[in-house]
């Protein structure tokens, strides 16, 4: 497929010429497109209202609720793309892994994956496991019209970290112990997770997602040599599996400044950058042929309008020479962010970058 051909599948044709997808394809845009990681979530009072009393994972299986939550930031902020409301552990739950998302704690896995025998619990994911995803994305694409929908999944390393640790971790001692001490078991685990992740992304694309993002939230805990040897092959397998659809593929991790070039090698069309590395330097590390996404520090949004605009302009200036740029935060929206600050930021970026 060439850059001027619309992708096959169910993606609405009216989204193809959107500023977001053009930027991902490194084509000229009328303005720098904007969306925010975690734009649909706890920073919005309307989200808190509709989610009241509904557990997180249950909310991800209700198509009407998923549709409403996904649309909320598009209505409020006028962002250039929506991101499907879900969680990275949804496909694991769907194949029968006993886990839950506990408020204030995060994902908790009842029986961590620690041995080769445990791999048998990671069966293939099929569309029949996640019918609510297909239904919700069908509803969303009808409502969104010309606004693209981004599908997403957790990257194999980050999913493996949760599964092996049994939840969140600051040191990843169990995951790294497996990676170093039993590299074949580790490789087999990540390979299985790559297959599950690719299947989950395929469901979203075939239902109508116009782009996908792979979140490797914890990859910043790795040294470059370990990433290349023990993680990159699985991420590359995911990106290769969805390449035939022709939709932009985004790769994002936190604290990954030393890994940006390797993340680009994994096969994404767009590399997400956190706030620690200026975009012009990130472009040098990633190399040519990739668009970049990012990278305003999300805490700047607490500093007042003038400071937000000044820092946003710094991001735009650093991105001025890039082949393609999607404006985003360097991580997700912090829950107690003022929603109006996000709305003003979108308006500022659109105005300051208009061509």
C-alpha atoms as a PDB file:
ATOM      1  CA  UNK A   1       0.000   0.000   0.000  1.00  0.00           C
ATOM      2  CA  UNK A   2       1.309   3.456  -0.852  1.00  0.00           C
ATOM      3  CA  UNK A   3       0.939   6.579   1.254  1.00  0.00           C
ATOM      4  CA  UNK A   4      -1.811   7.873  -1.041  1.00  0.00           C
ATOM      5  CA  UNK A   5      -4.019   4.791  -0.883  1.00  0.00           C
ATOM      6  CA  UNK A   6      -6.768   4.478   1.700  1.00  0.00           C
ATOM      7  CA  UNK A   7      -6.447   1.373   3.898  1.00  0.00           C
ATOM      8  CA  UNK A   8      -8.588  -1.658   3.249  1.00  0.00           C
ATOM      9  CA  UNK A   9     -11.113  -2.755   5.825  1.00  0.00           C
ATOM     10  CA  UNK A  10     -13.883  -0.984   7.692  1.00  0.00           C
ATOM     11  CA  UNK A  11     -12.166   2.330   8.462  1.00  0.00           C
ATOM     12  CA  UNK A  12     -14.519   5.190   7.516  1.00  0.00           C
ATOM     13  CA  UNK A  13     -13.210   6.783   4.328  1.00  0.00           C
ATOM     14  CA  UNK A  14     -13.988  10.284   5.639  1.00  0.00           C
ATOM     15  CA  UNK A  15     -11.285   9.934   8.290  1.00  0.00           C
ATOM     16  CA  UNK A  16      -8.503   9.258   5.773  1.00  0.00           C
ATOM     17  CA  UNK A  17      -7.801  12.933   5.066  1.00  0.00           C
ATOM     18  CA  UNK A  18      -7.981  13.979   8.731  1.00  0.00           C
ATOM     19  CA  UNK A  19      -5.100  16.030  10.118  1.00  0.00           C
ATOM     20  CA  UNK A  20      -4.264  13.235  12.553  1.00  0.00           C
ATOM     21  CA  UNK A  21      -3.876  10.512   9.938  1.00  0.00           C
ATOM     22  CA  UNK A  22      -2.048  12.845   7.571  1.00  0.00           C
ATOM     23  CA  UNK A  23       0.474  13.671  10.283  1.00  0.00           C
ATOM     24  CA  UNK A  24       0.943   9.971  11.031  1.00  0.00           C
ATOM     25  CA  UNK A  25       1.653   9.423   7.340  1.00  0.00           C
ATOM     26  CA  UNK A  26       4.087  12.374   7.350  1.00  0.00           C
ATOM     27  CA  UNK A  27       1.959  14.354   4.907  1.00  0.00           C
ATOM     28  CA  UNK A  28       1.270  18.135   5.001  1.00  0.00           C
ATOM     29  CA  UNK A  29      -1.420  19.101   7.504  1.00  0.00           C
ATOM     30  CA  UNK A  30      -3.608  22.217   7.940  1.00  0.00           C
ATOM     31  CA  UNK A  31      -2.632  22.335  11.617  1.00  0.00           C
ATOM     32  CA  UNK A  32      -0.789  20.131  14.094  1.00  0.00           C
ATOM     33  CA  UNK A  33      -3.290  17.517  15.269  1.00  0.00           C
ATOM     34  CA  UNK A  34      -3.832  17.022  18.998  1.00  0.00           C
ATOM     35  CA  UNK A  35      -5.071  14.216  21.190  1.00  0.00           C
ATOM     36  CA  UNK A  36      -4.205  13.230  24.752  1.00  0.00           C
ATOM     37  CA  UNK A  37      -3.395   9.900  26.313  1.00  0.00           C
ATOM     38  CA  UNK A  38      -6.018   9.263  29.011  1.00  0.00           C
ATOM     39  CA  UNK A  39      -8.170  12.039  27.549  1.00  0.00           C
ATOM     40  CA  UNK A  40     -11.205   9.880  28.355  1.00  0.00           C
ATOM     41  CA  UNK A  41     -11.096   9.402  32.079  1.00  0.00           C
ATOM     42  CA  UNK A  42     -10.974  10.794  35.575  1.00  0.00           C
ATOM     43  CA  UNK A  43     -10.177  14.394  34.633  1.00  0.00           C
ATOM     44  CA  UNK A  44     -13.724  14.753  33.271  1.00  0.00           C
ATOM     45  CA  UNK A  45     -16.687  15.184  35.644  1.00  0.00           C
ATOM     46  CA  UNK A  46     -18.988  13.642  33.032  1.00  0.00           C
ATOM     47  CA  UNK A  47     -16.809  10.516  33.098  1.00  0.00           C
ATOM     48  CA  UNK A  48     -16.992  10.249  36.881  1.00  0.00           C
ATOM     49  CA  UNK A  49     -20.763  10.583  36.663  1.00  0.00           C
ATOM     50  CA  UNK A  50     -21.343   7.792  34.129  1.00  0.00           C
ATOM     51  CA  UNK A  51     -18.761   5.479  35.762  1.00  0.00           C
ATOM     52  CA  UNK A  52     -20.160   5.900  39.271  1.00  0.00           C
ATOM     53  CA  UNK A  53     -20.562   2.501  40.926  1.00  0.00           C
ATOM     54  CA  UNK A  54     -19.293   0.550  37.905  1.00  0.00           C
ATOM     55  CA  UNK A  55     -16.000  -1.356  38.268  1.00  0.00           C
ATOM     56  CA  UNK A  56     -13.331  -0.475  35.710  1.00  0.00           C
ATOM     57  CA  UNK A  57     -13.189  -3.791  33.886  1.00  0.00           C
ATOM     58  CA  UNK A  58     -16.966  -4.051  33.777  1.00  0.00           C
ATOM     59  CA  UNK A  59     -17.173  -0.581  32.242  1.00  0.00           C
ATOM     60  CA  UNK A  60     -14.911  -1.790  29.404  1.00  0.00           C
ATOM     61  CA  UNK A  61     -17.441  -4.483  28.448  1.00  0.00           C
ATOM     62  CA  UNK A  62     -20.491  -2.212  28.082  1.00  0.00           C
ATOM     63  CA  UNK A  63     -20.577  -0.921  24.479  1.00  0.00           C
ATOM     64  CA  UNK A  64     -22.927   1.989  25.169  1.00  0.00           C
ATOM     65  CA  UNK A  65     -20.826   3.129  28.105  1.00  0.00           C
ATOM     66  CA  UNK A  66     -17.561   2.694  26.183  1.00  0.00           C
ATOM     67  CA  UNK A  67     -19.015   4.771  23.357  1.00  0.00           C
ATOM     68  CA  UNK A  68     -20.122   7.564  25.656  1.00  0.00           C
ATOM     69  CA  UNK A  69     -16.816   7.730  27.529  1.00  0.00           C
ATOM     70  CA  UNK A  70     -14.761   7.673  24.315  1.00  0.00           C
ATOM     71  CA  UNK A  71     -16.820  10.519  22.858  1.00  0.00           C
ATOM     72  CA  UNK A  72     -16.702  12.761  25.933  1.00  0.00           C
ATOM     73  CA  UNK A  73     -13.269  14.363  25.332  1.00  0.00           C
ATOM     74  CA  UNK A  74     -13.993  14.760  21.610  1.00  0.00           C
ATOM     75  CA  UNK A  75     -17.095  16.786  22.425  1.00  0.00           C
ATOM     76  CA  UNK A  76     -15.433  18.809  25.164  1.00  0.00           C
ATOM     77  CA  UNK A  77     -11.902  19.419  23.863  1.00  0.00           C
ATOM     78  CA  UNK A  78     -12.345  19.153  20.061  1.00  0.00           C
ATOM     79  CA  UNK A  79      -9.327  16.879  19.808  1.00  0.00           C
ATOM     80  CA  UNK A  80      -8.320  15.512  16.410  1.00  0.00           C
ATOM     81  CA  UNK A  81      -8.668  11.843  17.367  1.00  0.00           C
ATOM     82  CA  UNK A  82     -10.567   9.695  19.821  1.00  0.00           C
ATOM     83  CA  UNK A  83      -8.940   6.796  21.636  1.00  0.00           C
ATOM     84  CA  UNK A  84     -10.965   3.715  22.398  1.00  0.00           C
ATOM     85  CA  UNK A  85     -11.864   3.483  26.072  1.00  0.00           C
ATOM     86  CA  UNK A  86     -10.486   0.242  27.485  1.00  0.00           C
ATOM     87  CA  UNK A  87      -7.556  -1.026  29.547  1.00  0.00           C
ATOM     88  CA  UNK A  88      -4.415  -2.905  28.587  1.00  0.00           C
ATOM     89  CA  UNK A  89      -5.410  -5.926  30.711  1.00  0.00           C
ATOM     90  CA  UNK A  90      -8.793  -6.384  28.984  1.00  0.00           C
ATOM     91  CA  UNK A  91      -7.526  -9.059  26.551  1.00  0.00           C
ATOM     92  CA  UNK A  92      -5.931 -10.974  29.435  1.00  0.00           C
ATOM     93  CA  UNK A  93      -9.197 -10.922  31.357  1.00  0.00           C
ATOM     94  CA  UNK A  94     -11.021 -11.992  28.199  1.00  0.00           C
ATOM     95  CA  UNK A  95      -8.965 -15.186  27.865  1.00  0.00           C
ATOM     96  CA  UNK A  96      -9.600 -16.166  31.459  1.00  0.00           C
ATOM     97  CA  UNK A  97      -6.707 -14.739  33.470  1.00  0.00           C
ATOM     98  CA  UNK A  98      -7.940 -14.127  37.019  1.00  0.00           C
ATOM     99  CA  UNK A  99      -7.235 -10.427  37.521  1.00  0.00           C
ATOM    100  CA  UNK A 100      -8.930  -7.253  38.614  1.00  0.00           C
ATOM    101  CA  UNK A 101      -8.221  -3.530  38.628  1.00  0.00           C
ATOM    102  CA  UNK A 102      -8.345  -2.351  42.223  1.00  0.00           C
ATOM    103  CA  UNK A 103      -8.948   1.371  42.859  1.00  0.00           C
ATOM    104  CA  UNK A 104      -5.779   3.115  43.947  1.00  0.00           C
ATOM    105  CA  UNK A 105      -3.708  -0.009  43.254  1.00  0.00           C
ATOM    106  CA  UNK A 106      -4.082  -0.952  39.585  1.00  0.00           C
ATOM    107  CA  UNK A 107      -4.168  -4.416  38.005  1.00  0.00           C
ATOM    108  CA  UNK A 108      -3.771  -7.330  40.421  1.00  0.00           C
ATOM    109  CA  UNK A 109      -3.204 -10.852  39.081  1.00  0.00           C
ATOM    110  CA  UNK A 110      -4.444 -13.593  41.400  1.00  0.00           C
ATOM    111  CA  UNK A 111      -1.943 -16.228  40.219  1.00  0.00           C
ATOM    112  CA  UNK A 112       1.177 -14.708  38.622  1.00  0.00           C
ATOM    113  CA  UNK A 113       2.854 -16.369  35.643  1.00  0.00           C
ATOM    114  CA  UNK A 114       6.110 -17.802  36.981  1.00  0.00           C
ATOM    115  CA  UNK A 115       6.670 -21.252  35.376  1.00  0.00           C
ATOM    116  CA  UNK A 116       6.483 -22.912  31.977  1.00  0.00           C
ATOM    117  CA  UNK A 117       3.324 -24.709  33.044  1.00  0.00           C
ATOM    118  CA  UNK A 118       1.718 -21.310  33.628  1.00  0.00           C
ATOM    119  CA  UNK A 119       2.018 -20.486  29.921  1.00  0.00           C
ATOM    120  CA  UNK A 120      -0.860 -22.863  29.211  1.00  0.00           C
ATOM    121  CA  UNK A 121      -3.184 -20.314  30.821  1.00  0.00           C
ATOM    122  CA  UNK A 122      -2.437 -17.880  27.991  1.00  0.00           C
ATOM    123  CA  UNK A 123      -4.700 -19.245  25.273  1.00  0.00           C
ATOM    124  CA  UNK A 124      -5.404 -17.595  21.922  1.00  0.00           C
ATOM    125  CA  UNK A 125      -7.744 -14.602  21.873  1.00  0.00           C
ATOM    126  CA  UNK A 126     -10.568 -14.664  19.327  1.00  0.00           C
ATOM    127  CA  UNK A 127     -13.129 -12.013  18.296  1.00  0.00           C
ATOM    128  CA  UNK A 128     -15.730 -14.084  20.139  1.00  0.00           C
ATOM    129  CA  UNK A 129     -13.889 -13.356  23.396  1.00  0.00           C
ATOM    130  CA  UNK A 130     -14.416  -9.593  22.999  1.00  0.00           C
ATOM    131  CA  UNK A 131     -17.743  -9.044  21.164  1.00  0.00           C
ATOM    132  CA  UNK A 132     -18.244  -5.840  23.113  1.00  0.00           C
ATOM    133  CA  UNK A 133     -15.167  -4.349  21.408  1.00  0.00           C
ATOM    134  CA  UNK A 134     -16.551  -4.938  17.925  1.00  0.00           C
ATOM    135  CA  UNK A 135     -19.952  -3.586  18.938  1.00  0.00           C
ATOM    136  CA  UNK A 136     -18.564  -0.484  20.650  1.00  0.00           C
ATOM    137  CA  UNK A 137     -16.222   0.434  17.799  1.00  0.00           C
ATOM    138  CA  UNK A 138     -19.060   0.054  15.313  1.00  0.00           C
ATOM    139  CA  UNK A 139     -21.122   2.472  17.394  1.00  0.00           C
ATOM    140  CA  UNK A 140     -18.199   4.858  17.751  1.00  0.00           C
ATOM    141  CA  UNK A 141     -17.245   5.089  14.116  1.00  0.00           C
ATOM    142  CA  UNK A 142     -20.824   5.980  13.252  1.00  0.00           C
ATOM    143  CA  UNK A 143     -20.843   8.730  15.876  1.00  0.00           C
ATOM    144  CA  UNK A 144     -17.343  10.086  15.200  1.00  0.00           C
ATOM    145  CA  UNK A 145     -17.787  10.703  11.491  1.00  0.00           C
ATOM    146  CA  UNK A 146     -14.580  12.285  10.209  1.00  0.00           C
ATOM    147  CA  UNK A 147     -12.761  12.041  13.560  1.00  0.00           C
ATOM    148  CA  UNK A 148     -10.406   9.031  13.594  1.00  0.00           C
ATOM    149  CA  UNK A 149     -10.581   6.406  16.311  1.00  0.00           C
ATOM    150  CA  UNK A 150      -7.345   5.041  17.780  1.00  0.00           C
ATOM    151  CA  UNK A 151      -7.362   1.470  18.987  1.00  0.00           C
ATOM    152  CA  UNK A 152      -4.746   0.331  21.474  1.00  0.00           C
ATOM    153  CA  UNK A 153      -3.183  -2.512  23.398  1.00  0.00           C
ATOM    154  CA  UNK A 154      -0.497  -3.090  25.974  1.00  0.00           C
ATOM    155  CA  UNK A 155       2.879  -4.168  24.620  1.00  0.00           C
ATOM    156  CA  UNK A 156       4.157  -7.673  25.447  1.00  0.00           C
ATOM    157  CA  UNK A 157       6.794  -6.457  27.919  1.00  0.00           C
ATOM    158  CA  UNK A 158       4.383  -4.362  29.951  1.00  0.00           C
ATOM    159  CA  UNK A 159       1.762  -7.138  29.995  1.00  0.00           C
ATOM    160  CA  UNK A 160       4.435  -9.637  31.000  1.00  0.00           C
ATOM    161  CA  UNK A 161       5.529  -7.357  33.823  1.00  0.00           C
ATOM    162  CA  UNK A 162       2.018  -7.304  35.263  1.00  0.00           C
ATOM    163  CA  UNK A 163       1.576 -11.052  34.835  1.00  0.00           C
ATOM    164  CA  UNK A 164       4.906 -12.057  36.358  1.00  0.00           C
ATOM    165  CA  UNK A 165       4.906  -9.512  39.184  1.00  0.00           C
ATOM    166  CA  UNK A 166       1.239 -10.041  39.960  1.00  0.00           C
ATOM    167  CA  UNK A 167       0.600  -6.285  39.677  1.00  0.00           C
ATOM    168  CA  UNK A 168       2.467  -3.017  39.506  1.00  0.00           C
ATOM    169  CA  UNK A 169       6.123  -2.844  40.485  1.00  0.00           C
ATOM    170  CA  UNK A 170       8.904  -0.293  40.858  1.00  0.00           C
ATOM    171  CA  UNK A 171      11.755  -2.763  40.443  1.00  0.00           C
ATOM    172  CA  UNK A 172      10.351  -5.561  38.234  1.00  0.00           C
ATOM    173  CA  UNK A 173      12.499  -8.035  40.128  1.00  0.00           C
ATOM    174  CA  UNK A 174      10.413 -11.086  39.225  1.00  0.00           C
ATOM    175  CA  UNK A 175      10.047 -10.155  35.571  1.00  0.00           C
ATOM    176  CA  UNK A 176      13.738  -9.339  35.204  1.00  0.00           C
ATOM    177  CA  UNK A 177      14.711 -12.478  37.109  1.00  0.00           C
ATOM    178  CA  UNK A 178      12.845 -14.516  34.507  1.00  0.00           C
ATOM    179  CA  UNK A 179      14.286 -12.472  31.650  1.00  0.00           C
ATOM    180  CA  UNK A 180      17.864 -12.983  32.867  1.00  0.00           C
ATOM    181  CA  UNK A 181      17.549 -16.382  34.554  1.00  0.00           C
ATOM    182  CA  UNK A 182      15.328 -18.266  32.094  1.00  0.00           C
ATOM    183  CA  UNK A 183      15.577 -16.401  28.797  1.00  0.00           C
ATOM    184  CA  UNK A 184      13.787 -19.129  26.835  1.00  0.00           C
ATOM    185  CA  UNK A 185      10.755 -19.075  29.134  1.00  0.00           C
ATOM    186  CA  UNK A 186      10.766 -15.281  28.939  1.00  0.00           C
ATOM    187  CA  UNK A 187      10.938 -15.348  25.138  1.00  0.00           C
ATOM    188  CA  UNK A 188       8.084 -17.847  24.960  1.00  0.00           C
ATOM    189  CA  UNK A 189       5.987 -15.733  27.329  1.00  0.00           C
ATOM    190  CA  UNK A 190       6.476 -12.577  25.282  1.00  0.00           C
ATOM    191  CA  UNK A 191       5.813 -14.450  22.059  1.00  0.00           C
ATOM    192  CA  UNK A 192       2.452 -15.677  23.400  1.00  0.00           C
ATOM    193  CA  UNK A 193       1.591 -12.178  24.557  1.00  0.00           C
ATOM    194  CA  UNK A 194       2.541 -10.803  21.147  1.00  0.00           C
ATOM    195  CA  UNK A 195       0.025 -13.160  19.549  1.00  0.00           C
ATOM    196  CA  UNK A 196      -2.712 -12.163  22.001  1.00  0.00           C
ATOM    197  CA  UNK A 197      -1.940  -8.462  21.577  1.00  0.00           C
ATOM    198  CA  UNK A 198      -1.923  -8.688  17.786  1.00  0.00           C
ATOM    199  CA  UNK A 199      -5.271 -10.494  17.837  1.00  0.00           C
ATOM    200  CA  UNK A 200      -6.750  -7.788  20.071  1.00  0.00           C
ATOM    201  CA  UNK A 201      -5.522  -5.030  17.748  1.00  0.00           C
ATOM    202  CA  UNK A 202      -6.871  -6.879  14.709  1.00  0.00           C
ATOM    203  CA  UNK A 203     -10.337  -6.986  16.277  1.00  0.00           C
ATOM    204  CA  UNK A 204     -10.219  -3.212  16.751  1.00  0.00           C
ATOM    205  CA  UNK A 205      -8.935  -2.472  13.242  1.00  0.00           C
ATOM    206  CA  UNK A 206     -11.421  -4.800  11.577  1.00  0.00           C
ATOM    207  CA  UNK A 207     -14.222  -3.147  13.540  1.00  0.00           C
ATOM    208  CA  UNK A 208     -13.188   0.296  12.273  1.00  0.00           C
ATOM    209  CA  UNK A 209     -10.232   1.752  14.199  1.00  0.00           C
ATOM    210  CA  UNK A 210      -8.239   4.113  11.972  1.00  0.00           C
ATOM    211  CA  UNK A 211      -4.920   3.779  13.851  1.00  0.00           C
ATOM    212  CA  UNK A 212      -3.509   1.755  16.737  1.00  0.00           C
ATOM    213  CA  UNK A 213      -1.134   2.516  19.585  1.00  0.00           C
ATOM    214  CA  UNK A 214       0.996   0.008  21.445  1.00  0.00           C
ATOM    215  CA  UNK A 215       1.621   1.117  25.034  1.00  0.00           C
ATOM    216  CA  UNK A 216       4.878  -0.171  26.491  1.00  0.00           C
ATOM    217  CA  UNK A 217       4.427   1.753  29.693  1.00  0.00           C
ATOM    218  CA  UNK A 218       7.225   0.079  31.643  1.00  0.00           C
ATOM    219  CA  UNK A 219       9.868  -0.361  28.921  1.00  0.00           C
ATOM    220  CA  UNK A 220      11.853   2.521  30.397  1.00  0.00           C
ATOM    221  CA  UNK A 221      13.009   0.121  33.135  1.00  0.00           C
ATOM    222  CA  UNK A 222      15.213  -1.655  30.579  1.00  0.00           C
ATOM    223  CA  UNK A 223      18.743  -1.094  29.341  1.00  0.00           C
ATOM    224  CA  UNK A 224      19.018  -0.808  25.536  1.00  0.00           C
ATOM    225  CA  UNK A 225      20.839  -4.136  25.164  1.00  0.00           C
ATOM    226  CA  UNK A 226      18.162  -5.945  27.183  1.00  0.00           C
ATOM    227  CA  UNK A 227      15.403  -4.267  25.184  1.00  0.00           C
ATOM    228  CA  UNK A 228      16.970  -5.272  21.868  1.00  0.00           C
ATOM    229  CA  UNK A 229      17.547  -8.872  22.908  1.00  0.00           C
ATOM    230  CA  UNK A 230      14.538  -9.615  25.099  1.00  0.00           C
ATOM    231  CA  UNK A 231      11.697  -7.252  24.128  1.00  0.00           C
ATOM    232  CA  UNK A 232      12.059  -5.837  20.629  1.00  0.00           C
ATOM    233  CA  UNK A 233      11.311  -9.150  18.818  1.00  0.00           C
ATOM    234  CA  UNK A 234       7.901  -9.457  20.486  1.00  0.00           C
ATOM    235  CA  UNK A 235       6.930  -5.822  19.815  1.00  0.00           C
ATOM    236  CA  UNK A 236       8.057  -6.221  16.205  1.00  0.00           C
ATOM    237  CA  UNK A 237       5.861  -9.314  15.903  1.00  0.00           C
ATOM    238  CA  UNK A 238       2.819  -7.271  16.951  1.00  0.00           C
ATOM    239  CA  UNK A 239       3.511  -4.497  14.469  1.00  0.00           C
ATOM    240  CA  UNK A 240       4.227  -6.990  11.672  1.00  0.00           C
ATOM    241  CA  UNK A 241       0.946  -8.776  12.358  1.00  0.00           C
ATOM    242  CA  UNK A 242      -1.141  -5.650  11.727  1.00  0.00           C
ATOM    243  CA  UNK A 243       0.976  -4.130   8.933  1.00  0.00           C
ATOM    244  CA  UNK A 244      -1.299  -5.519   6.225  1.00  0.00           C
ATOM    245  CA  UNK A 245      -4.165  -3.282   7.322  1.00  0.00           C
ATOM    246  CA  UNK A 246      -2.272  -0.124   6.358  1.00  0.00           C
ATOM    247  CA  UNK A 247      -3.369   1.866   9.416  1.00  0.00           C
ATOM    248  CA  UNK A 248      -0.792   3.998  11.260  1.00  0.00           C
ATOM    249  CA  UNK A 249       0.926   2.174  14.114  1.00  0.00           C
ATOM    250  CA  UNK A 250       2.112   4.199  17.125  1.00  0.00           C
ATOM    251  CA  UNK A 251       4.616   2.997  19.722  1.00  0.00           C
ATOM    252  CA  UNK A 252       4.834   4.696  23.125  1.00  0.00           C
ATOM    253  CA  UNK A 253       6.698   4.127  26.356  1.00  0.00           C
ATOM    254  CA  UNK A 254       7.592   6.147  29.457  1.00  0.00           C
ATOM    255  CA  UNK A 255      11.216   6.929  30.319  1.00  0.00           C
ATOM    256  CA  UNK A 256      12.328   5.507  26.979  1.00  0.00           C
ATOM    257  CA  UNK A 257      14.710   8.251  25.847  1.00  0.00           C
ATOM    258  CA  UNK A 258      17.569   5.748  25.535  1.00  0.00           C
ATOM    259  CA  UNK A 259      15.307   3.328  23.643  1.00  0.00           C
ATOM    260  CA  UNK A 260      13.784   5.626  21.027  1.00  0.00           C
ATOM    261  CA  UNK A 261      15.880   4.329  18.158  1.00  0.00           C
ATOM    262  CA  UNK A 262      15.133   0.723  19.076  1.00  0.00           C
ATOM    263  CA  UNK A 263      11.417   1.466  19.432  1.00  0.00           C
ATOM    264  CA  UNK A 264      11.499   2.906  15.938  1.00  0.00           C
ATOM    265  CA  UNK A 265      13.146  -0.286  14.700  1.00  0.00           C
ATOM    266  CA  UNK A 266      10.266  -2.339  16.076  1.00  0.00           C
ATOM    267  CA  UNK A 267       8.123  -1.260  13.153  1.00  0.00           C
ATOM    268  CA  UNK A 268       5.863   1.607  14.204  1.00  0.00           C
ATOM    269  CA  UNK A 269       5.031   4.465  11.845  1.00  0.00           C
ATOM    270  CA  UNK A 270       4.891   6.944  14.738  1.00  0.00           C
ATOM    271  CA  UNK A 271       7.103   6.945  17.831  1.00  0.00           C
ATOM    272  CA  UNK A 272       5.699   8.503  20.994  1.00  0.00           C
ATOM    273  CA  UNK A 273       8.103  10.574  23.086  1.00  0.00           C
ATOM    274  CA  UNK A 274       7.740  11.462  26.745  1.00  0.00           C
ATOM    275  CA  UNK A 275       8.648  14.925  28.084  1.00  0.00           C
ATOM    276  CA  UNK A 276      12.256  14.106  28.969  1.00  0.00           C
ATOM    277  CA  UNK A 277      13.673  14.386  25.433  1.00  0.00           C
ATOM    278  CA  UNK A 278      13.016  17.386  23.142  1.00  0.00           C
ATOM    279  CA  UNK A 279      11.369  16.366  19.899  1.00  0.00           C
ATOM    280  CA  UNK A 280      14.211  17.561  17.681  1.00  0.00           C
ATOM    281  CA  UNK A 281      16.640  15.383  19.655  1.00  0.00           C
ATOM    282  CA  UNK A 282      14.128  12.523  19.632  1.00  0.00           C
ATOM    283  CA  UNK A 283      13.988  12.762  15.838  1.00  0.00           C
ATOM    284  CA  UNK A 284      17.762  12.396  15.692  1.00  0.00           C
ATOM    285  CA  UNK A 285      17.617   9.298  17.876  1.00  0.00           C
ATOM    286  CA  UNK A 286      14.706   7.695  16.028  1.00  0.00           C
ATOM    287  CA  UNK A 287      16.060   8.437  12.565  1.00  0.00           C
ATOM    288  CA  UNK A 288      14.247   9.326   9.328  1.00  0.00           C
ATOM    289  CA  UNK A 289      11.027   7.818   8.064  1.00  0.00           C
ATOM    290  CA  UNK A 290       8.995   8.122  11.272  1.00  0.00           C
ATOM    291  CA  UNK A 291       6.537  10.678  12.575  1.00  0.00           C
ATOM    292  CA  UNK A 292       6.779  11.627  16.262  1.00  0.00           C
ATOM    293  CA  UNK A 293       4.087  12.105  18.880  1.00  0.00           C
ATOM    294  CA  UNK A 294       4.336  14.222  22.019  1.00  0.00           C
ATOM    295  CA  UNK A 295       5.485  15.625  24.272  1.00  0.00           C
ATOM    296  CA  UNK A 296       4.279  18.289  26.735  1.00  0.00           C
ATOM    297  CA  UNK A 297       4.940  17.450  30.384  1.00  0.00           C
ATOM    298  CA  UNK A 298       1.424  16.754  31.757  1.00  0.00           C
ATOM    299  CA  UNK A 299       2.213  18.628  34.980  1.00  0.00           C
ATOM    300  CA  UNK A 300       2.572  21.878  32.993  1.00  0.00           C
ATOM    301  CA  UNK A 301      -1.214  21.944  32.781  1.00  0.00           C
ATOM    302  CA  UNK A 302      -1.289  22.920  36.471  1.00  0.00           C
ATOM    303  CA  UNK A 303       0.848  26.024  35.909  1.00  0.00           C
ATOM    304  CA  UNK A 304      -1.639  28.454  34.384  1.00  0.00           C
ATOM    305  CA  UNK A 305      -2.574  29.536  30.864  1.00  0.00           C
ATOM    306  CA  UNK A 306       0.531  31.594  30.053  1.00  0.00           C
ATOM    307  CA  UNK A 307       2.922  28.878  31.181  1.00  0.00           C
ATOM    308  CA  UNK A 308       0.988  26.193  29.317  1.00  0.00           C
ATOM    309  CA  UNK A 309       1.069  28.177  26.099  1.00  0.00           C
ATOM    310  CA  UNK A 310       4.776  28.965  26.460  1.00  0.00           C
ATOM    311  CA  UNK A 311       5.670  25.318  27.019  1.00  0.00           C
ATOM    312  CA  UNK A 312       3.352  24.177  24.226  1.00  0.00           C
ATOM    313  CA  UNK A 313       5.096  26.589  21.888  1.00  0.00           C
ATOM    314  CA  UNK A 314       8.435  25.069  22.888  1.00  0.00           C
ATOM    315  CA  UNK A 315       7.114  21.685  21.799  1.00  0.00           C
ATOM    316  CA  UNK A 316       5.866  23.097  18.501  1.00  0.00           C
ATOM    317  CA  UNK A 317       9.180  24.846  17.882  1.00  0.00           C
ATOM    318  CA  UNK A 318      11.140  21.647  18.559  1.00  0.00           C
ATOM    319  CA  UNK A 319       8.838  19.827  16.138  1.00  0.00           C
ATOM    320  CA  UNK A 320       9.112  22.423  13.387  1.00  0.00           C
ATOM    321  CA  UNK A 321      11.502  20.375  11.257  1.00  0.00           C
ATOM    322  CA  UNK A 322       9.897  16.969  11.764  1.00  0.00           C
ATOM    323  CA  UNK A 323       8.514  14.857   8.939  1.00  0.00           C
ATOM    324  CA  UNK A 324       5.276  14.469  10.884  1.00  0.00           C
ATOM    325  CA  UNK A 325       4.120  15.550  14.341  1.00  0.00           C
ATOM    326  CA  UNK A 326       1.098  14.671  16.471  1.00  0.00           C
ATOM    327  CA  UNK A 327       0.858  16.892  19.564  1.00  0.00           C
ATOM    328  CA  UNK A 328       0.249  14.976  22.762  1.00  0.00           C
ATOM    329  CA  UNK A 329       1.337  14.957  26.365  1.00  0.00           C
ATOM    330  CA  UNK A 330       4.493  13.117  27.356  1.00  0.00           C
ATOM    331  CA  UNK A 331       2.306  10.732  29.377  1.00  0.00           C
ATOM    332  CA  UNK A 332      -1.384  10.482  30.268  1.00  0.00           C
ATOM    333  CA  UNK A 333      -3.628  13.237  31.584  1.00  0.00           C
ATOM    334  CA  UNK A 334      -3.243  13.465  35.367  1.00  0.00           C
ATOM    335  CA  UNK A 335      -6.618  12.760  37.029  1.00  0.00           C
ATOM    336  CA  UNK A 336      -7.045  16.131  38.798  1.00  0.00           C
ATOM    337  CA  UNK A 337      -6.145  18.187  35.717  1.00  0.00           C
ATOM    338  CA  UNK A 338      -8.557  21.046  35.008  1.00  0.00           C
ATOM    339  CA  UNK A 339     -10.474  19.957  31.876  1.00  0.00           C
ATOM    340  CA  UNK A 340     -10.636  23.574  30.693  1.00  0.00           C
ATOM    341  CA  UNK A 341      -6.821  23.650  30.568  1.00  0.00           C
ATOM    342  CA  UNK A 342      -6.920  20.802  28.054  1.00  0.00           C
ATOM    343  CA  UNK A 343      -9.564  22.524  25.963  1.00  0.00           C
ATOM    344  CA  UNK A 344      -7.511  25.733  25.879  1.00  0.00           C
ATOM    345  CA  UNK A 345      -4.383  23.762  24.969  1.00  0.00           C
ATOM    346  CA  UNK A 346      -6.088  22.189  21.941  1.00  0.00           C
ATOM    347  CA  UNK A 347      -7.274  25.609  20.807  1.00  0.00           C
ATOM    348  CA  UNK A 348      -3.795  27.075  21.247  1.00  0.00           C
ATOM    349  CA  UNK A 349      -2.001  24.323  19.329  1.00  0.00           C
ATOM    350  CA  UNK A 350      -4.512  24.493  16.480  1.00  0.00           C
ATOM    351  CA  UNK A 351      -4.153  28.267  16.219  1.00  0.00           C
ATOM    352  CA  UNK A 352      -0.387  28.443  16.644  1.00  0.00           C
ATOM    353  CA  UNK A 353       0.269  25.745  14.059  1.00  0.00           C
ATOM    354  CA  UNK A 354      -2.337  26.714  11.441  1.00  0.00           C
ATOM    355  CA  UNK A 355      -0.853  26.795   7.960  1.00  0.00           C
END
